[in-house]
Amino acid sequence: MNKNLLLDTDIIVDVGRGHAGAIAQVSTMMTVGAVFISAVTEMELIVGCRNKAELQNLASLLERFTVVPLSPEITASAVKLLRTYRLSHGLLIADALIAATALVTKRILVSGNAKHFSMIKGLQFLAA
């Protein structure tokens, strides 16, 4: 298993919901080394919290991951991706930023949403 992995938001959501398959997959990934998420994923997860208890549970969960902050290079890459894939494939801002994070940091994006990312040339992708 490669230790240079960036998890998409859907994987963390499944872990938070207690899905056994997602928990097992992420646990296996973490035995190899640090597992990364984009700052965008962190923000999406915070927005999904409905109350303080969920926010506290999320904070505990996120302690297990290394958050990759946005940078000017990631932003520029995301803009390029949007120019290329927004009209043809419906690429959204959050997905563009997450894909750009994987591209710029040379990490493999792990997601259950292959449809959101499969068209992006050069993106290393691992289906969850």
N, C-alpha and C. Protein backbone atom coordinates (compact mmCIF):
# COMPACT_ATOMS: atom_id res chain seq x y z
N MET A 1 0.85 -1.19 0.00
CA MET A 1 0.00 0.00 0.00
C MET A 1 0.89 1.23 0.00
N ASN A 2 0.59 2.16 -0.86
CA ASN A 2 1.35 3.40 -0.97
C ASN A 2 1.05 4.29 0.23
N LYS A 3 2.08 4.95 0.75
CA LYS A 3 1.87 5.82 1.91
C LYS A 3 1.70 7.27 1.51
N ASN A 4 1.46 7.52 0.25
CA ASN A 4 1.32 8.89 -0.26
C ASN A 4 -0.12 9.09 -0.73
N LEU A 5 -1.07 8.95 0.19
CA LEU A 5 -2.49 8.95 -0.15
C LEU A 5 -3.20 10.20 0.36
N LEU A 6 -4.11 10.71 -0.46
CA LEU A 6 -4.98 11.84 -0.09
C LEU A 6 -6.41 11.33 -0.17
N LEU A 7 -7.11 11.38 0.95
CA LEU A 7 -8.48 10.86 0.99
C LEU A 7 -9.47 11.95 0.62
N ASP A 8 -10.45 11.57 -0.19
CA ASP A 8 -11.55 12.45 -0.55
C ASP A 8 -12.54 12.50 0.61
N THR A 9 -13.37 13.49 0.60
CA THR A 9 -14.33 13.73 1.68
C THR A 9 -15.25 12.52 1.90
N ASP A 10 -15.67 11.86 0.83
CA ASP A 10 -16.61 10.74 0.98
C ASP A 10 -16.06 9.62 1.84
N ILE A 11 -14.76 9.41 1.80
CA ILE A 11 -14.15 8.35 2.59
C ILE A 11 -14.25 8.68 4.08
N ILE A 12 -13.96 9.92 4.43
CA ILE A 12 -14.02 10.35 5.83
C ILE A 12 -15.46 10.34 6.34
N VAL A 13 -16.40 10.72 5.49
CA VAL A 13 -17.81 10.67 5.87
C VAL A 13 -18.20 9.23 6.20
N ASP A 14 -17.79 8.28 5.36
CA ASP A 14 -18.11 6.87 5.61
C ASP A 14 -17.48 6.37 6.90
N VAL A 15 -16.25 6.78 7.18
CA VAL A 15 -15.60 6.40 8.44
C VAL A 15 -16.40 6.97 9.62
N GLY A 16 -16.76 8.24 9.51
CA GLY A 16 -17.52 8.89 10.58
C GLY A 16 -18.88 8.25 10.83
N ARG A 17 -19.44 7.69 9.78
CA ARG A 17 -20.75 7.02 9.91
C ARG A 17 -20.63 5.58 10.37
N GLY A 18 -19.39 5.13 10.56
CA GLY A 18 -19.18 3.78 11.08
C GLY A 18 -19.24 2.68 10.05
N HIS A 19 -19.07 2.98 8.77
CA HIS A 19 -19.10 1.95 7.73
C HIS A 19 -17.86 1.07 7.86
N ALA A 20 -18.08 -0.20 8.11
CA ALA A 20 -17.00 -1.13 8.40
C ALA A 20 -15.96 -1.19 7.28
N GLY A 21 -16.39 -1.21 6.03
CA GLY A 21 -15.45 -1.29 4.91
C GLY A 21 -14.53 -0.08 4.85
N ALA A 22 -15.09 1.11 5.05
CA ALA A 22 -14.29 2.33 5.02
C ALA A 22 -13.33 2.37 6.19
N ILE A 23 -13.81 1.97 7.36
CA ILE A 23 -12.95 1.96 8.55
C ILE A 23 -11.78 1.01 8.35
N ALA A 24 -12.05 -0.17 7.82
CA ALA A 24 -10.99 -1.16 7.58
C ALA A 24 -9.99 -0.64 6.55
N GLN A 25 -10.50 -0.04 5.47
CA GLN A 25 -9.62 0.48 4.42
C GLN A 25 -8.71 1.59 4.96
N VAL A 26 -9.28 2.53 5.69
CA VAL A 26 -8.49 3.64 6.23
C VAL A 26 -7.51 3.13 7.29
N SER A 27 -7.94 2.20 8.11
CA SER A 27 -7.04 1.63 9.13
C SER A 27 -5.84 0.98 8.47
N THR A 28 -6.07 0.24 7.39
CA THR A 28 -4.96 -0.38 6.66
C THR A 28 -4.03 0.67 6.09
N MET A 29 -4.58 1.72 5.53
CA MET A 29 -3.76 2.80 4.98
C MET A 29 -2.89 3.44 6.06
N MET A 30 -3.45 3.61 7.24
CA MET A 30 -2.75 4.30 8.31
C MET A 30 -1.62 3.47 8.92
N THR A 31 -1.64 2.16 8.71
CA THR A 31 -0.56 1.33 9.22
C THR A 31 0.73 1.57 8.45
N VAL A 32 0.61 2.08 7.24
CA VAL A 32 1.78 2.31 6.38
C VAL A 32 2.43 3.66 6.67
N GLY A 33 1.64 4.63 7.10
CA GLY A 33 2.18 5.96 7.38
C GLY A 33 1.07 6.99 7.43
N ALA A 34 1.47 8.24 7.37
CA ALA A 34 0.51 9.34 7.43
C ALA A 34 -0.45 9.27 6.25
N VAL A 35 -1.70 9.59 6.53
CA VAL A 35 -2.72 9.70 5.49
C VAL A 35 -3.16 11.16 5.47
N PHE A 36 -3.33 11.71 4.27
CA PHE A 36 -3.56 13.13 4.11
C PHE A 36 -5.00 13.42 3.66
N ILE A 37 -5.48 14.61 4.03
CA ILE A 37 -6.72 15.13 3.48
C ILE A 37 -6.46 16.59 3.10
N SER A 38 -7.24 17.08 2.17
CA SER A 38 -7.16 18.48 1.78
C SER A 38 -7.86 19.35 2.83
N ALA A 39 -7.41 20.59 2.93
CA ALA A 39 -8.10 21.56 3.79
C ALA A 39 -9.55 21.71 3.35
N VAL A 40 -9.82 21.50 2.08
CA VAL A 40 -11.19 21.58 1.56
C VAL A 40 -12.04 20.46 2.16
N THR A 41 -11.48 19.28 2.26
CA THR A 41 -12.20 18.16 2.90
C THR A 41 -12.52 18.50 4.34
N GLU A 42 -11.55 19.06 5.05
CA GLU A 42 -11.80 19.46 6.44
C GLU A 42 -12.96 20.45 6.51
N MET A 43 -12.97 21.43 5.61
CA MET A 43 -14.05 22.43 5.60
C MET A 43 -15.39 21.81 5.25
N GLU A 44 -15.41 20.91 4.26
CA GLU A 44 -16.67 20.25 3.90
C GLU A 44 -17.23 19.45 5.08
N LEU A 45 -16.36 18.79 5.81
CA LEU A 45 -16.79 17.99 6.95
C LEU A 45 -17.33 18.88 8.07
N ILE A 46 -16.69 20.01 8.30
CA ILE A 46 -17.18 20.95 9.32
C ILE A 46 -18.57 21.45 8.95
N VAL A 47 -18.76 21.80 7.68
CA VAL A 47 -20.06 22.30 7.22
C VAL A 47 -21.14 21.24 7.39
N GLY A 48 -20.77 19.96 7.32
CA GLY A 48 -21.74 18.88 7.46
C GLY A 48 -22.16 18.59 8.88
N CYS A 49 -21.48 19.16 9.85
CA CYS A 49 -21.84 18.92 11.26
C CYS A 49 -23.14 19.65 11.61
N ARG A 50 -24.00 18.95 12.34
CA ARG A 50 -25.30 19.52 12.70
C ARG A 50 -25.36 20.10 14.10
N ASN A 51 -24.36 19.75 14.93
CA ASN A 51 -24.37 20.24 16.31
C ASN A 51 -22.96 20.17 16.89
N LYS A 52 -22.82 20.67 18.12
CA LYS A 52 -21.50 20.72 18.76
C LYS A 52 -20.92 19.33 19.01
N ALA A 53 -21.76 18.37 19.32
CA ALA A 53 -21.28 17.01 19.57
C ALA A 53 -20.65 16.44 18.29
N GLU A 54 -21.31 16.63 17.16
CA GLU A 54 -20.75 16.14 15.90
C GLU A 54 -19.45 16.87 15.57
N LEU A 55 -19.40 18.15 15.86
CA LEU A 55 -18.18 18.92 15.61
C LEU A 55 -17.03 18.42 16.48
N GLN A 56 -17.32 18.08 17.73
CA GLN A 56 -16.29 17.53 18.62
C GLN A 56 -15.83 16.15 18.15
N ASN A 57 -16.78 15.31 17.73
CA ASN A 57 -16.43 13.99 17.20
C ASN A 57 -15.57 14.12 15.95
N LEU A 58 -15.92 15.08 15.11
CA LEU A 58 -15.14 15.31 13.90
C LEU A 58 -13.72 15.74 14.24
N ALA A 59 -13.58 16.62 15.21
CA ALA A 59 -12.24 17.08 15.61
C ALA A 59 -11.39 15.90 16.06
N SER A 60 -11.98 14.98 16.80
CA SER A 60 -11.24 13.78 17.24
C SER A 60 -10.85 12.91 16.05
N LEU A 61 -11.75 12.76 15.11
CA LEU A 61 -11.47 11.96 13.92
C LEU A 61 -10.36 12.59 13.08
N LEU A 62 -10.42 13.90 12.90
CA LEU A 62 -9.46 14.58 12.03
C LEU A 62 -8.05 14.60 12.61
N GLU A 63 -7.91 14.39 13.90
CA GLU A 63 -6.58 14.33 14.51
C GLU A 63 -5.74 13.20 13.91
N ARG A 64 -6.38 12.24 13.31
CA ARG A 64 -5.68 11.07 12.74
C ARG A 64 -5.07 11.35 11.37
N PHE A 65 -5.43 12.49 10.78
CA PHE A 65 -4.99 12.79 9.41
C PHE A 65 -4.12 14.04 9.38
N THR A 66 -3.31 14.12 8.34
CA THR A 66 -2.51 15.32 8.11
C THR A 66 -3.25 16.17 7.09
N VAL A 67 -3.57 17.39 7.46
CA VAL A 67 -4.32 18.29 6.58
C VAL A 67 -3.33 19.06 5.70
N VAL A 68 -3.57 19.00 4.39
CA VAL A 68 -2.74 19.74 3.43
C VAL A 68 -3.41 21.09 3.17
N PRO A 69 -2.75 22.19 3.55
CA PRO A 69 -3.37 23.51 3.35
C PRO A 69 -3.37 23.89 1.87
N LEU A 70 -4.27 24.78 1.53
CA LEU A 70 -4.29 25.31 0.17
C LEU A 70 -3.08 26.22 -0.01
N SER A 71 -2.58 26.25 -1.22
CA SER A 71 -1.43 27.08 -1.55
C SER A 71 -1.73 27.79 -2.86
N PRO A 72 -0.95 28.79 -3.20
CA PRO A 72 -1.16 29.43 -4.51
C PRO A 72 -1.04 28.44 -5.67
N GLU A 73 -0.14 27.48 -5.56
CA GLU A 73 0.03 26.49 -6.63
C GLU A 73 -1.20 25.58 -6.75
N ILE A 74 -1.76 25.18 -5.62
CA ILE A 74 -2.97 24.35 -5.63
C ILE A 74 -4.13 25.15 -6.21
N THR A 75 -4.26 26.40 -5.81
CA THR A 75 -5.33 27.25 -6.33
C THR A 75 -5.22 27.41 -7.84
N ALA A 76 -4.02 27.69 -8.34
CA ALA A 76 -3.82 27.85 -9.78
C ALA A 76 -4.14 26.56 -10.52
N SER A 77 -3.76 25.43 -9.96
CA SER A 77 -4.06 24.14 -10.59
C SER A 77 -5.57 23.90 -10.61
N ALA A 78 -6.26 24.23 -9.53
CA ALA A 78 -7.72 24.05 -9.47
C ALA A 78 -8.41 24.92 -10.51
N VAL A 79 -7.96 26.16 -10.67
CA VAL A 79 -8.55 27.05 -11.68
C VAL A 79 -8.36 26.44 -13.07
N LYS A 80 -7.18 25.91 -13.33
CA LYS A 80 -6.91 25.27 -14.63
C LYS A 80 -7.83 24.07 -14.84
N LEU A 81 -8.01 23.28 -13.79
CA LEU A 81 -8.92 22.12 -13.89
C LEU A 81 -10.35 22.57 -14.17
N LEU A 82 -10.79 23.62 -13.51
CA LEU A 82 -12.15 24.12 -13.75
C LEU A 82 -12.31 24.62 -15.18
N ARG A 83 -11.30 25.32 -15.68
CA ARG A 83 -11.37 25.79 -17.07
C ARG A 83 -11.44 24.63 -18.05
N THR A 84 -10.77 23.55 -17.70
CA THR A 84 -10.71 22.40 -18.59
C THR A 84 -11.95 21.50 -18.49
N TYR A 85 -12.45 21.29 -17.26
CA TYR A 85 -13.46 20.25 -17.05
C TYR A 85 -14.82 20.72 -16.54
N ARG A 86 -14.97 21.99 -16.22
CA ARG A 86 -16.26 22.45 -15.68
C ARG A 86 -17.39 22.25 -16.68
N LEU A 87 -17.23 22.77 -17.88
CA LEU A 87 -18.32 22.69 -18.85
C LEU A 87 -18.50 21.29 -19.42
N SER A 88 -17.41 20.59 -19.66
CA SER A 88 -17.50 19.27 -20.29
C SER A 88 -17.91 18.17 -19.31
N HIS A 89 -17.53 18.29 -18.04
CA HIS A 89 -17.77 17.21 -17.09
C HIS A 89 -18.46 17.66 -15.80
N GLY A 90 -18.74 18.94 -15.67
CA GLY A 90 -19.45 19.43 -14.48
C GLY A 90 -18.59 19.47 -13.22
N LEU A 91 -17.28 19.58 -13.38
CA LEU A 91 -16.39 19.62 -12.22
C LEU A 91 -16.77 20.78 -11.30
N LEU A 92 -16.85 20.50 -10.01
CA LEU A 92 -17.21 21.50 -9.01
C LEU A 92 -15.97 22.05 -8.32
N ILE A 93 -16.12 23.20 -7.67
CA ILE A 93 -14.99 23.88 -7.04
C ILE A 93 -14.29 22.98 -6.01
N ALA A 94 -15.03 22.39 -5.10
CA ALA A 94 -14.41 21.57 -4.05
C ALA A 94 -13.64 20.40 -4.66
N ASP A 95 -14.24 19.72 -5.63
CA ASP A 95 -13.56 18.59 -6.27
C ASP A 95 -12.32 19.05 -7.03
N ALA A 96 -12.39 20.22 -7.66
CA ALA A 96 -11.22 20.76 -8.36
C ALA A 96 -10.10 21.04 -7.38
N LEU A 97 -10.42 21.61 -6.23
CA LEU A 97 -9.39 21.91 -5.23
C LEU A 97 -8.80 20.63 -4.63
N ILE A 98 -9.62 19.63 -4.40
CA ILE A 98 -9.12 18.36 -3.85
C ILE A 98 -8.24 17.66 -4.88
N ALA A 99 -8.69 17.61 -6.13
CA ALA A 99 -7.87 17.00 -7.19
C ALA A 99 -6.56 17.77 -7.37
N ALA A 100 -6.63 19.08 -7.34
CA ALA A 100 -5.43 19.90 -7.49
C ALA A 100 -4.46 19.64 -6.34
N THR A 101 -4.98 19.45 -5.14
CA THR A 101 -4.13 19.13 -3.99
C THR A 101 -3.38 17.83 -4.25
N ALA A 102 -4.07 16.82 -4.76
CA ALA A 102 -3.41 15.55 -5.08
C ALA A 102 -2.37 15.73 -6.18
N LEU A 103 -2.72 16.47 -7.21
CA LEU A 103 -1.79 16.68 -8.32
C LEU A 103 -0.53 17.42 -7.89
N VAL A 104 -0.71 18.52 -7.20
CA VAL A 104 0.42 19.37 -6.81
C VAL A 104 1.33 18.67 -5.80
N THR A 105 0.73 17.93 -4.88
CA THR A 105 1.53 17.26 -3.84
C THR A 105 1.96 15.85 -4.28
N LYS A 106 1.58 15.46 -5.49
CA LYS A 106 1.93 14.16 -6.06
C LYS A 106 1.45 12.99 -5.18
N ARG A 107 0.22 13.12 -4.74
CA ARG A 107 -0.40 12.06 -3.94
C ARG A 107 -1.47 11.35 -4.76
N ILE A 108 -1.80 10.15 -4.34
CA ILE A 108 -2.85 9.36 -4.96
C ILE A 108 -4.16 9.73 -4.28
N LEU A 109 -5.15 10.13 -5.07
CA LEU A 109 -6.46 10.48 -4.52
C LEU A 109 -7.28 9.21 -4.35
N VAL A 110 -7.77 8.99 -3.13
CA VAL A 110 -8.62 7.84 -2.83
C VAL A 110 -10.04 8.35 -2.66
N SER A 111 -10.95 7.82 -3.48
CA SER A 111 -12.33 8.29 -3.45
C SER A 111 -13.27 7.21 -3.93
N GLY A 112 -14.48 7.29 -3.46
CA GLY A 112 -15.54 6.43 -3.97
C GLY A 112 -16.27 7.09 -5.13
N ASN A 113 -15.84 8.27 -5.50
CA ASN A 113 -16.50 9.05 -6.56
C ASN A 113 -15.63 9.13 -7.82
N ALA A 114 -15.39 8.00 -8.44
CA ALA A 114 -14.55 7.97 -9.64
C ALA A 114 -15.11 8.90 -10.72
N LYS A 115 -16.42 9.00 -10.81
CA LYS A 115 -17.06 9.84 -11.82
C LYS A 115 -16.63 11.30 -11.70
N HIS A 116 -16.37 11.75 -10.48
CA HIS A 116 -15.99 13.15 -10.26
C HIS A 116 -14.57 13.45 -10.74
N PHE A 117 -13.72 12.40 -10.83
CA PHE A 117 -12.30 12.63 -11.04
C PHE A 117 -11.69 11.89 -12.23
N SER A 118 -12.38 10.91 -12.79
CA SER A 118 -11.78 10.02 -13.79
C SER A 118 -11.29 10.74 -15.04
N MET A 119 -11.83 11.88 -15.37
CA MET A 119 -11.46 12.58 -16.59
C MET A 119 -10.19 13.42 -16.44
N ILE A 120 -9.70 13.58 -15.23
CA ILE A 120 -8.57 14.49 -14.99
C ILE A 120 -7.26 13.80 -15.36
N LYS A 121 -6.64 14.32 -16.39
CA LYS A 121 -5.38 13.75 -16.88
C LYS A 121 -4.27 14.00 -15.86
N GLY A 122 -3.49 12.94 -15.62
CA GLY A 122 -2.36 13.04 -14.71
C GLY A 122 -2.69 12.77 -13.26
N LEU A 123 -3.97 12.70 -12.93
CA LEU A 123 -4.36 12.45 -11.54
C LEU A 123 -4.22 10.95 -11.24
N GLN A 124 -3.44 10.64 -10.20
CA GLN A 124 -3.35 9.26 -9.74
C GLN A 124 -4.57 9.01 -8.88
N PHE A 125 -5.33 7.97 -9.19
CA PHE A 125 -6.61 7.74 -8.53
C PHE A 125 -6.71 6.30 -8.07
N LEU A 126 -7.23 6.12 -6.86
CA LEU A 126 -7.50 4.80 -6.32
C LEU A 126 -8.95 4.76 -5.88
N ALA A 127 -9.72 3.87 -6.48
CA ALA A 127 -11.14 3.75 -6.13
C ALA A 127 -11.28 3.11 -4.76
N ALA A 128 -12.16 3.68 -3.95
CA ALA A 128 -12.40 3.14 -2.61
C ALA A 128 -13.54 2.14 -2.66
